[in-house]
């Protein structure tokens, strides 16, 4: 699978309020750090700059379980990678 490992039975479906990205995570907490915003964060700061704060920008939309995990992972990965739409 694209976002979570094969065989995952429970995961969280999140949307980042900063970048708008939707993704799956093995975590199921109410809010978590967005991996996309974390990757884009500039850690090189000058003496008069504050370090960017990307804490808990992604909010939980839904907890997915069982077969829904694989379906949502496939659907979200198609939006990014393109591919075969026959399963829909």
C-alpha atoms as a PDB file:
ATOM      1  CA  UNK A   1       0.000   0.000   0.000  1.00  0.00           C
ATOM      2  CA  UNK A   2       1.035   3.609  -0.464  1.00  0.00           C
ATOM      3  CA  UNK A   3       0.439   5.329   2.903  1.00  0.00           C
ATOM      4  CA  UNK A   4       0.308   2.430   5.382  1.00  0.00           C
ATOM      5  CA  UNK A   5       1.961  -1.033   5.394  1.00  0.00           C
ATOM      6  CA  UNK A   6       0.180  -4.035   3.875  1.00  0.00           C
ATOM      7  CA  UNK A   7      -2.071  -5.796   6.342  1.00  0.00           C
ATOM      8  CA  UNK A   8      -2.933  -2.671   8.339  1.00  0.00           C
ATOM      9  CA  UNK A   9      -6.334  -3.162  10.007  1.00  0.00           C
ATOM     10  CA  UNK A  10      -6.811   0.263  11.628  1.00  0.00           C
ATOM     11  CA  UNK A  11      -5.567   3.731  10.747  1.00  0.00           C
ATOM     12  CA  UNK A  12      -6.494   7.395  10.856  1.00  0.00           C
ATOM     13  CA  UNK A  13      -7.617   9.455   7.855  1.00  0.00           C
ATOM     14  CA  UNK A  14      -6.284  13.012   8.279  1.00  0.00           C
ATOM     15  CA  UNK A  15      -6.435  16.388   6.554  1.00  0.00           C
ATOM     16  CA  UNK A  16      -3.856  19.107   7.155  1.00  0.00           C
ATOM     17  CA  UNK A  17      -5.379  22.528   7.849  1.00  0.00           C
ATOM     18  CA  UNK A  18      -2.237  24.275   6.547  1.00  0.00           C
ATOM     19  CA  UNK A  19      -1.426  22.548   3.234  1.00  0.00           C
ATOM     20  CA  UNK A  20      -4.771  20.794   2.656  1.00  0.00           C
ATOM     21  CA  UNK A  21      -3.164  17.388   2.050  1.00  0.00           C
ATOM     22  CA  UNK A  22      -5.223  14.305   2.950  1.00  0.00           C
ATOM     23  CA  UNK A  23      -3.333  11.212   4.088  1.00  0.00           C
ATOM     24  CA  UNK A  24      -3.493   8.029   6.161  1.00  0.00           C
ATOM     25  CA  UNK A  25      -1.476   7.426   9.299  1.00  0.00           C
ATOM     26  CA  UNK A  26      -1.090   4.490  11.672  1.00  0.00           C
ATOM     27  CA  UNK A  27      -1.912   6.949  14.450  1.00  0.00           C
ATOM     28  CA  UNK A  28      -5.539   7.583  15.444  1.00  0.00           C
ATOM     29  CA  UNK A  29      -5.158  10.628  17.679  1.00  0.00           C
ATOM     30  CA  UNK A  30      -7.378  13.715  17.251  1.00  0.00           C
ATOM     31  CA  UNK A  31      -4.519  15.736  15.717  1.00  0.00           C
ATOM     32  CA  UNK A  32      -0.958  14.986  14.582  1.00  0.00           C
ATOM     33  CA  UNK A  33       1.943  16.672  12.801  1.00  0.00           C
ATOM     34  CA  UNK A  34       1.535  16.787   9.023  1.00  0.00           C
ATOM     35  CA  UNK A  35       4.374  14.812   7.357  1.00  0.00           C
ATOM     36  CA  UNK A  36       4.222  17.023   4.241  1.00  0.00           C
ATOM     37  CA  UNK A  37       4.545  20.273   6.208  1.00  0.00           C
ATOM     38  CA  UNK A  38       7.310  18.733   8.337  1.00  0.00           C
ATOM     39  CA  UNK A  39       9.273  17.805   5.209  1.00  0.00           C
ATOM     40  CA  UNK A  40       8.959  21.359   3.838  1.00  0.00           C
ATOM     41  CA  UNK A  41       9.967  23.045   7.104  1.00  0.00           C
ATOM     42  CA  UNK A  42      13.109  25.196   6.833  1.00  0.00           C
ATOM     43  CA  UNK A  43      15.326  24.383   9.815  1.00  0.00           C
ATOM     44  CA  UNK A  44      17.955  26.963   8.904  1.00  0.00           C
ATOM     45  CA  UNK A  45      17.059  30.146  10.749  1.00  0.00           C
ATOM     46  CA  UNK A  46      18.834  33.425  11.273  1.00  0.00           C
ATOM     47  CA  UNK A  47      19.394  35.245  14.577  1.00  0.00           C
ATOM     48  CA  UNK A  48      16.166  37.284  14.278  1.00  0.00           C
ATOM     49  CA  UNK A  49      13.898  34.494  13.003  1.00  0.00           C
ATOM     50  CA  UNK A  50      11.601  32.151  14.884  1.00  0.00           C
ATOM     51  CA  UNK A  51      11.600  28.467  14.080  1.00  0.00           C
ATOM     52  CA  UNK A  52       8.518  27.342  12.160  1.00  0.00           C
ATOM     53  CA  UNK A  53       5.901  25.572  14.230  1.00  0.00           C
ATOM     54  CA  UNK A  54       4.053  22.759  12.432  1.00  0.00           C
ATOM     55  CA  UNK A  55       2.781  20.982  15.526  1.00  0.00           C
ATOM     56  CA  UNK A  56      -0.552  19.207  15.241  1.00  0.00           C
ATOM     57  CA  UNK A  57      -1.716  20.720  11.960  1.00  0.00           C
ATOM     58  CA  UNK A  58      -3.470  17.582  10.690  1.00  0.00           C
ATOM     59  CA  UNK A  59      -6.917  16.843  12.107  1.00  0.00           C
ATOM     60  CA  UNK A  60      -8.533  13.408  12.229  1.00  0.00           C
ATOM     61  CA  UNK A  61     -11.421  13.050   9.772  1.00  0.00           C
ATOM     62  CA  UNK A  62     -12.225   9.391  10.376  1.00  0.00           C
ATOM     63  CA  UNK A  63     -10.808   6.188  11.873  1.00  0.00           C
ATOM     64  CA  UNK A  64     -10.754   3.489   9.176  1.00  0.00           C
ATOM     65  CA  UNK A  65     -10.878  -0.212   9.948  1.00  0.00           C
ATOM     66  CA  UNK A  66     -10.674  -3.478   8.019  1.00  0.00           C
ATOM     67  CA  UNK A  67     -11.342  -3.394   4.276  1.00  0.00           C
ATOM     68  CA  UNK A  68     -11.844   0.404   4.304  1.00  0.00           C
ATOM     69  CA  UNK A  69      -8.123   0.914   5.033  1.00  0.00           C
ATOM     70  CA  UNK A  70      -7.026  -0.712   1.764  1.00  0.00           C
ATOM     71  CA  UNK A  71      -9.756   1.022  -0.269  1.00  0.00           C
ATOM     72  CA  UNK A  72      -8.913   4.509   1.033  1.00  0.00           C
ATOM     73  CA  UNK A  73      -5.163   3.906   0.637  1.00  0.00           C
ATOM     74  CA  UNK A  74      -5.714   2.906  -2.988  1.00  0.00           C
ATOM     75  CA  UNK A  75      -8.013   5.847  -3.638  1.00  0.00           C
ATOM     76  CA  UNK A  76      -5.601   8.416  -2.144  1.00  0.00           C
ATOM     77  CA  UNK A  77      -2.608   6.902  -3.958  1.00  0.00           C
ATOM     78  CA  UNK A  78      -4.442   7.102  -7.309  1.00  0.00           C
ATOM     79  CA  UNK A  79      -4.822  10.843  -6.804  1.00  0.00           C
ATOM     80  CA  UNK A  80      -1.047  11.157  -6.475  1.00  0.00           C
ATOM     81  CA  UNK A  81       0.375   8.452  -8.731  1.00  0.00           C
ATOM     82  CA  UNK A  82      -2.364   7.840 -11.302  1.00  0.00           C
ATOM     83  CA  UNK A  83      -3.110   4.291 -12.280  1.00  0.00           C
ATOM     84  CA  UNK A  84      -5.803   1.726 -12.824  1.00  0.00           C
ATOM     85  CA  UNK A  85      -9.345   2.865 -11.968  1.00  0.00           C
ATOM     86  CA  UNK A  86     -11.005  -0.526 -12.680  1.00  0.00           C
ATOM     87  CA  UNK A  87     -11.402  -1.422  -8.998  1.00  0.00           C
ATOM     88  CA  UNK A  88     -13.747   1.548  -8.333  1.00  0.00           C
END
